C-alpha atoms as a PDB file:
ATOM      1  CA  MET A   1      85.181 150.571   5.315  1.00  0.00           C
ATOM      2  CA  GLY A   2      83.840 148.599   2.337  1.00  0.00           C
ATOM      3  CA  ILE A   3      85.449 145.584   0.729  1.00  0.00           C
ATOM      4  CA  ILE A   4      87.518 146.359  -2.346  1.00  0.00           C
ATOM      5  CA  PRO A   5      87.030 143.425  -4.717  1.00  0.00           C
ATOM      6  CA  THR A   6      89.871 141.773  -6.583  1.00  0.00           C
ATOM      7  CA  ALA A   7      89.625 142.344 -10.330  1.00  0.00           C
ATOM      8  CA  VAL A   8      90.216 139.187 -12.350  1.00  0.00           C
ATOM      9  CA  LYS A   9      90.720 139.238 -16.103  1.00  0.00           C
ATOM     10  CA  ILE A  10      89.210 136.314 -18.007  1.00  0.00           C
ATOM     11  CA  VAL A  11      89.509 135.694 -21.749  1.00  0.00           C
ATOM     12  CA  VAL A  12      86.630 134.014 -23.613  1.00  0.00           C
ATOM     13  CA  ALA A  13      88.013 132.442 -26.780  1.00  0.00           C
ATOM     14  CA  GLY A  14      87.175 129.879 -29.406  1.00  0.00           C
ATOM     15  CA  GLY A  15      86.590 129.471 -33.086  1.00  0.00           C
ATOM     16  CA  PHE A  16      84.464 131.621 -35.324  1.00  0.00           C
ATOM     17  CA  GLY A  17      80.778 131.462 -34.373  1.00  0.00           C
ATOM     18  CA  VAL A  18      81.054 129.317 -31.211  1.00  0.00           C
ATOM     19  CA  GLY A  19      79.165 131.765 -28.965  1.00  0.00           C
ATOM     20  CA  LYS A  20      81.771 134.023 -27.368  1.00  0.00           C
ATOM     21  CA  THR A  21      79.747 137.222 -27.815  1.00  0.00           C
ATOM     22  CA  THR A  22      76.595 135.440 -26.684  1.00  0.00           C
ATOM     23  CA  MET A  23      78.319 134.210 -23.521  1.00  0.00           C
ATOM     24  CA  VAL A  24      79.658 137.633 -22.578  1.00  0.00           C
ATOM     25  CA  ASN A  25      76.242 139.177 -23.292  1.00  0.00           C
ATOM     26  CA  SER A  26      74.323 136.576 -21.302  1.00  0.00           C
ATOM     27  CA  VAL A  27      76.393 136.810 -18.150  1.00  0.00           C
ATOM     28  CA  SER A  28      77.518 140.454 -17.969  1.00  0.00           C
ATOM     29  CA  GLU A  29      75.922 142.555 -15.252  1.00  0.00           C
ATOM     30  CA  ILE A  30      76.697 145.716 -17.224  1.00  0.00           C
ATOM     31  CA  PRO A  31      75.692 146.497 -20.798  1.00  0.00           C
ATOM     32  CA  PRO A  32      78.507 144.727 -22.628  1.00  0.00           C
ATOM     33  CA  LEU A  33      80.832 146.484 -25.007  1.00  0.00           C
ATOM     34  CA  ARG A  34      80.578 144.763 -28.368  1.00  0.00           C
ATOM     35  CA  THR A  35      82.475 145.370 -31.564  1.00  0.00           C
ATOM     36  CA  GLU A  36      80.108 143.477 -33.811  1.00  0.00           C
ATOM     37  CA  GLU A  37      80.034 144.279 -37.499  1.00  0.00           C
ATOM     38  CA  VAL A  38      77.919 142.889 -40.310  1.00  0.00           C
ATOM     39  CA  LEU A  39      79.651 140.160 -42.295  1.00  0.00           C
ATOM     40  CA  THR A  40      80.531 141.452 -45.734  1.00  0.00           C
ATOM     41  CA  GLU A  41      81.710 140.112 -49.050  1.00  0.00           C
ATOM     42  CA  ALA A  42      85.301 140.708 -47.860  1.00  0.00           C
ATOM     43  CA  GLY A  43      85.016 137.566 -45.745  1.00  0.00           C
ATOM     44  CA  VAL A  44      83.785 135.329 -48.578  1.00  0.00           C
ATOM     45  CA  GLY A  45      86.404 132.673 -49.183  1.00  0.00           C
ATOM     46  CA  VAL A  46      88.324 133.831 -46.095  1.00  0.00           C
ATOM     47  CA  ASP A  47      85.967 133.024 -43.201  1.00  0.00           C
ATOM     48  CA  ASP A  48      84.841 129.408 -42.867  1.00  0.00           C
ATOM     49  CA  MET A  49      81.047 129.586 -42.627  1.00  0.00           C
ATOM     50  CA  ALA A  50      80.511 125.800 -42.579  1.00  0.00           C
ATOM     51  CA  GLY A  51      77.945 125.013 -39.905  1.00  0.00           C
ATOM     52  CA  ILE A  52      77.164 128.680 -39.202  1.00  0.00           C
ATOM     53  CA  GLU A  53      75.632 129.727 -42.501  1.00  0.00           C
ATOM     54  CA  GLY A  54      73.004 131.921 -40.782  1.00  0.00           C
ATOM     55  CA  LYS A  55      75.592 134.050 -38.964  1.00  0.00           C
ATOM     56  CA  GLU A  56      75.231 137.712 -39.940  1.00  0.00           C
ATOM     57  CA  THR A  57      77.652 139.579 -37.650  1.00  0.00           C
ATOM     58  CA  THR A  58      81.122 139.058 -36.274  1.00  0.00           C
ATOM     59  CA  THR A  59      83.342 140.474 -33.546  1.00  0.00           C
ATOM     60  CA  VAL A  60      86.122 142.553 -35.072  1.00  0.00           C
ATOM     61  CA  ALA A  61      88.022 143.592 -31.935  1.00  0.00           C
ATOM     62  CA  LEU A  62      86.644 142.299 -28.619  1.00  0.00           C
ATOM     63  CA  ASP A  63      83.639 141.892 -26.390  1.00  0.00           C
ATOM     64  CA  PHE A  64      83.817 143.192 -22.837  1.00  0.00           C
ATOM     65  CA  GLY A  65      81.620 142.476 -19.833  1.00  0.00           C
ATOM     66  CA  ARG A  66      81.761 142.272 -16.070  1.00  0.00           C
ATOM     67  CA  ILE A  67      80.281 139.951 -13.478  1.00  0.00           C
ATOM     68  CA  THR A  68      80.600 140.032  -9.709  1.00  0.00           C
ATOM     69  CA  ILE A  69      81.215 136.525  -8.411  1.00  0.00           C
ATOM     70  CA  SER A  70      81.348 137.555  -4.753  1.00  0.00           C
ATOM     71  CA  PRO A  71      81.937 140.754  -2.771  1.00  0.00           C
ATOM     72  CA  ARG A  72      85.629 139.914  -3.057  1.00  0.00           C
ATOM     73  CA  VAL A  73      85.902 138.877  -6.738  1.00  0.00           C
ATOM     74  CA  VAL A  74      84.851 140.685  -9.910  1.00  0.00           C
ATOM     75  CA  LEU A  75      85.505 139.082 -13.282  1.00  0.00           C
ATOM     76  CA  TYR A  76      86.261 141.243 -16.296  1.00  0.00           C
ATOM     77  CA  LEU A  77      85.473 139.268 -19.431  1.00  0.00           C
ATOM     78  CA  PHE A  78      87.297 139.845 -22.698  1.00  0.00           C
ATOM     79  CA  GLY A  79      85.838 137.973 -25.672  1.00  0.00           C
ATOM     80  CA  THR A  80      88.222 137.425 -28.568  1.00  0.00           C
ATOM     81  CA  PRO A  81      87.391 137.637 -32.255  1.00  0.00           C
ATOM     82  CA  GLY A  82      87.112 134.171 -33.771  1.00  0.00           C
ATOM     83  CA  GLN A  83      88.427 134.487 -37.303  1.00  0.00           C
ATOM     84  CA  ASN A  84      92.097 133.773 -37.805  1.00  0.00           C
ATOM     85  CA  ARG A  85      92.592 137.122 -39.570  1.00  0.00           C
ATOM     86  CA  PHE A  86      91.982 138.795 -36.159  1.00  0.00           C
ATOM     87  CA  TRP A  87      94.165 136.474 -34.066  1.00  0.00           C
ATOM     88  CA  PHE A  88      96.939 139.076 -33.902  1.00  0.00           C
ATOM     89  CA  MET A  89      94.804 140.764 -31.213  1.00  0.00           C
ATOM     90  CA  TRP A  90      94.774 137.748 -28.907  1.00  0.00           C
ATOM     91  CA  ASP A  91      98.219 138.454 -27.426  1.00  0.00           C
ATOM     92  CA  GLU A  92      97.080 141.880 -26.245  1.00  0.00           C
ATOM     93  CA  LEU A  93      93.762 140.566 -24.920  1.00  0.00           C
ATOM     94  CA  ALA A  94      95.536 137.815 -22.973  1.00  0.00           C
ATOM     95  CA  VAL A  95      98.002 140.109 -21.163  1.00  0.00           C
ATOM     96  CA  GLY A  96      97.255 139.869 -17.450  1.00  0.00           C
ATOM     97  CA  ALA A  97      94.573 137.198 -17.850  1.00  0.00           C
ATOM     98  CA  LEU A  98      94.256 134.844 -14.910  1.00  0.00           C
ATOM     99  CA  GLY A  99      92.468 132.236 -17.000  1.00  0.00           C
ATOM    100  CA  ALA A 100      90.415 131.539 -20.091  1.00  0.00           C
ATOM    101  CA  VAL A 101      87.301 129.820 -21.343  1.00  0.00           C
ATOM    102  CA  VAL A 102      87.691 127.983 -24.640  1.00  0.00           C
ATOM    103  CA  LEU A 103      84.229 127.615 -26.148  1.00  0.00           C
ATOM    104  CA  VAL A 104      83.764 124.551 -28.318  1.00  0.00           C
ATOM    105  CA  ASP A 105      81.159 123.639 -30.922  1.00  0.00           C
ATOM    106  CA  THR A 106      81.114 119.851 -31.407  1.00  0.00           C
ATOM    107  CA  ARG A 107      79.979 120.365 -35.010  1.00  0.00           C
ATOM    108  CA  ARG A 108      83.342 122.065 -35.690  1.00  0.00           C
ATOM    109  CA  LEU A 109      85.851 120.764 -33.149  1.00  0.00           C
ATOM    110  CA  ASP A 110      88.779 121.573 -35.430  1.00  0.00           C
ATOM    111  CA  SER A 111      88.138 125.301 -34.887  1.00  0.00           C
ATOM    112  CA  SER A 112      89.085 124.790 -31.204  1.00  0.00           C
ATOM    113  CA  PHE A 113      92.708 123.784 -31.710  1.00  0.00           C
ATOM    114  CA  PRO A 114      94.148 127.298 -32.191  1.00  0.00           C
ATOM    115  CA  SER A 115      92.568 128.512 -28.938  1.00  0.00           C
ATOM    116  CA  ILE A 116      93.756 125.513 -26.955  1.00  0.00           C
ATOM    117  CA  ASP A 117      97.269 125.833 -28.398  1.00  0.00           C
ATOM    118  CA  PHE A 118      97.322 129.562 -27.625  1.00  0.00           C
ATOM    119  CA  PHE A 119      96.585 129.115 -23.918  1.00  0.00           C
ATOM    120  CA  GLU A 120      98.721 125.984 -23.505  1.00  0.00           C
ATOM    121  CA  ASN A 121     101.726 127.754 -25.081  1.00  0.00           C
ATOM    122  CA  ARG A 122     101.333 130.693 -22.683  1.00  0.00           C
ATOM    123  CA  ASN A 123     100.635 128.571 -19.592  1.00  0.00           C
ATOM    124  CA  ILE A 124      97.304 130.307 -19.040  1.00  0.00           C
ATOM    125  CA  PRO A 125      94.865 127.996 -17.226  1.00  0.00           C
ATOM    126  CA  PHE A 126      91.712 127.316 -19.211  1.00  0.00           C
ATOM    127  CA  VAL A 127      88.553 125.279 -19.165  1.00  0.00           C
ATOM    128  CA  VAL A 128      86.809 123.878 -22.209  1.00  0.00           C
ATOM    129  CA  ALA A 129      83.138 124.807 -22.383  1.00  0.00           C
ATOM    130  CA  VAL A 130      81.142 122.700 -24.823  1.00  0.00           C
ATOM    131  CA  ASN A 131      78.377 124.959 -26.088  1.00  0.00           C
ATOM    132  CA  ARG A 132      75.430 122.649 -26.733  1.00  0.00           C
ATOM    133  CA  PHE A 133      74.115 123.913 -30.044  1.00  0.00           C
ATOM    134  CA  GLU A 134      70.906 122.615 -31.524  1.00  0.00           C
ATOM    135  CA  GLY A 135      71.954 120.022 -34.083  1.00  0.00           C
ATOM    136  CA  GLY A 136      75.303 119.510 -32.376  1.00  0.00           C
ATOM    137  CA  PHE A 137      76.711 116.083 -31.749  1.00  0.00           C
ATOM    138  CA  PRO A 138      76.129 114.711 -28.224  1.00  0.00           C
ATOM    139  CA  HIS A 139      79.688 113.655 -27.376  1.00  0.00           C
ATOM    140  CA  THR A 140      80.758 112.615 -23.898  1.00  0.00           C
ATOM    141  CA  ASP A 141      83.391 114.613 -22.057  1.00  0.00           C
ATOM    142  CA  ALA A 142      85.818 111.733 -22.597  1.00  0.00           C
ATOM    143  CA  GLN A 143      85.215 111.841 -26.353  1.00  0.00           C
ATOM    144  CA  VAL A 144      85.720 115.617 -26.450  1.00  0.00           C
ATOM    145  CA  ARG A 145      88.879 115.317 -24.322  1.00  0.00           C
ATOM    146  CA  GLN A 146      90.292 112.673 -26.663  1.00  0.00           C
ATOM    147  CA  ALA A 147      89.345 114.546 -29.855  1.00  0.00           C
ATOM    148  CA  LEU A 148      90.956 117.754 -28.552  1.00  0.00           C
ATOM    149  CA  ASP A 149      93.935 115.894 -27.039  1.00  0.00           C
ATOM    150  CA  LEU A 150      93.414 117.685 -23.731  1.00  0.00           C
ATOM    151  CA  ASP A 151      95.477 117.227 -20.614  1.00  0.00           C
ATOM    152  CA  PRO A 152      93.497 115.060 -18.160  1.00  0.00           C
ATOM    153  CA  ASN A 153      93.363 117.930 -15.651  1.00  0.00           C
ATOM    154  CA  VAL A 154      91.695 120.465 -17.963  1.00  0.00           C
ATOM    155  CA  PRO A 155      88.036 120.743 -16.927  1.00  0.00           C
ATOM    156  CA  ILE A 156      85.314 120.227 -19.520  1.00  0.00           C
ATOM    157  CA  VAL A 157      81.950 121.845 -18.849  1.00  0.00           C
ATOM    158  CA  SER A 158      78.750 121.534 -20.892  1.00  0.00           C
ATOM    159  CA  CYS A 159      76.847 124.772 -21.273  1.00  0.00           C
ATOM    160  CA  ASP A 160      74.282 126.796 -23.140  1.00  0.00           C
ATOM    161  CA  VAL A 161      75.845 130.242 -23.411  1.00  0.00           C
ATOM    162  CA  ARG A 162      72.446 131.825 -24.058  1.00  0.00           C
ATOM    163  CA  ASP A 163      71.559 130.977 -20.460  1.00  0.00           C
ATOM    164  CA  ARG A 164      73.043 133.263 -17.792  1.00  0.00           C
ATOM    165  CA  GLU A 165      73.179 130.562 -15.100  1.00  0.00           C
ATOM    166  CA  SER A 166      74.889 128.132 -17.450  1.00  0.00           C
ATOM    167  CA  SER A 167      77.499 130.744 -18.402  1.00  0.00           C
ATOM    168  CA  LYS A 168      78.042 131.560 -14.723  1.00  0.00           C
ATOM    169  CA  GLU A 169      78.720 127.892 -13.974  1.00  0.00           C
ATOM    170  CA  VAL A 170      81.458 127.877 -16.620  1.00  0.00           C
ATOM    171  CA  LEU A 171      83.075 130.944 -15.040  1.00  0.00           C
ATOM    172  CA  ILE A 172      82.832 129.462 -11.543  1.00  0.00           C
ATOM    173  CA  GLU A 173      84.505 126.274 -12.788  1.00  0.00           C
ATOM    174  CA  LEU A 174      87.278 128.367 -14.354  1.00  0.00           C
ATOM    175  CA  VAL A 175      87.852 130.396 -11.173  1.00  0.00           C
ATOM    176  CA  GLN A 176      87.999 127.233  -9.050  1.00  0.00           C
ATOM    177  CA  TYR A 177      90.364 125.521 -11.496  1.00  0.00           C
ATOM    178  CA  THR A 178      92.612 128.588 -11.723  1.00  0.00           C
ATOM    179  CA  MET A 179      92.770 128.884  -7.930  1.00  0.00           C
ATOM    180  CA  ASP A 180      93.731 125.202  -7.715  1.00  0.00           C
ATOM    181  CA  GLN A 181      96.450 125.724 -10.328  1.00  0.00           C
ATOM    182  CA  LEU A 182      97.840 128.736  -8.462  1.00  0.00           C
ATOM    183  CA  ALA A 183      97.815 126.776  -5.209  1.00  0.00           C
ATOM    184  CA  GLY A 184      99.754 123.982  -6.904  1.00  0.00           C
ATOM    185  CA  VAL A 185      97.011 121.375  -6.627  1.00  0.00           C
END
């Protein structure tokens, strides 16, 4: 009889344009479901494009992917939309989530606060993944932790979400951290 893996729901969140769709795409072992739409004039004056002026599409509902961590664990990834006008969907996406990745762009740290607050207020374990964008500011983990006012136990991981191995390392860190939290460590 074969092993039936445990399904684990993970939410990938963060501000507008931090790389959530890219992370899900880079790491998913199945063709990811994407709800990307072209940015339109409707977002002018509503969506903050500072630092991401070249962005042409946006997630309007969710991204979905899957990755097998081991024969016993399969992660189902749910990427959230980043603009605050779509935040009403986050509650539904977070139902049943074991943990979350909060992607951070050091060029726009302020866009990270809503995601961090969301998971803290719901007691959902999360890790902060600093997506190292070209032209980003090379802050230390301690500087990022202080700027985001993070609990000392919340892991911070540097990553390049375009790289599958780098994205996998973030997910592995999250799974380990979540297991520790569940075990009461």
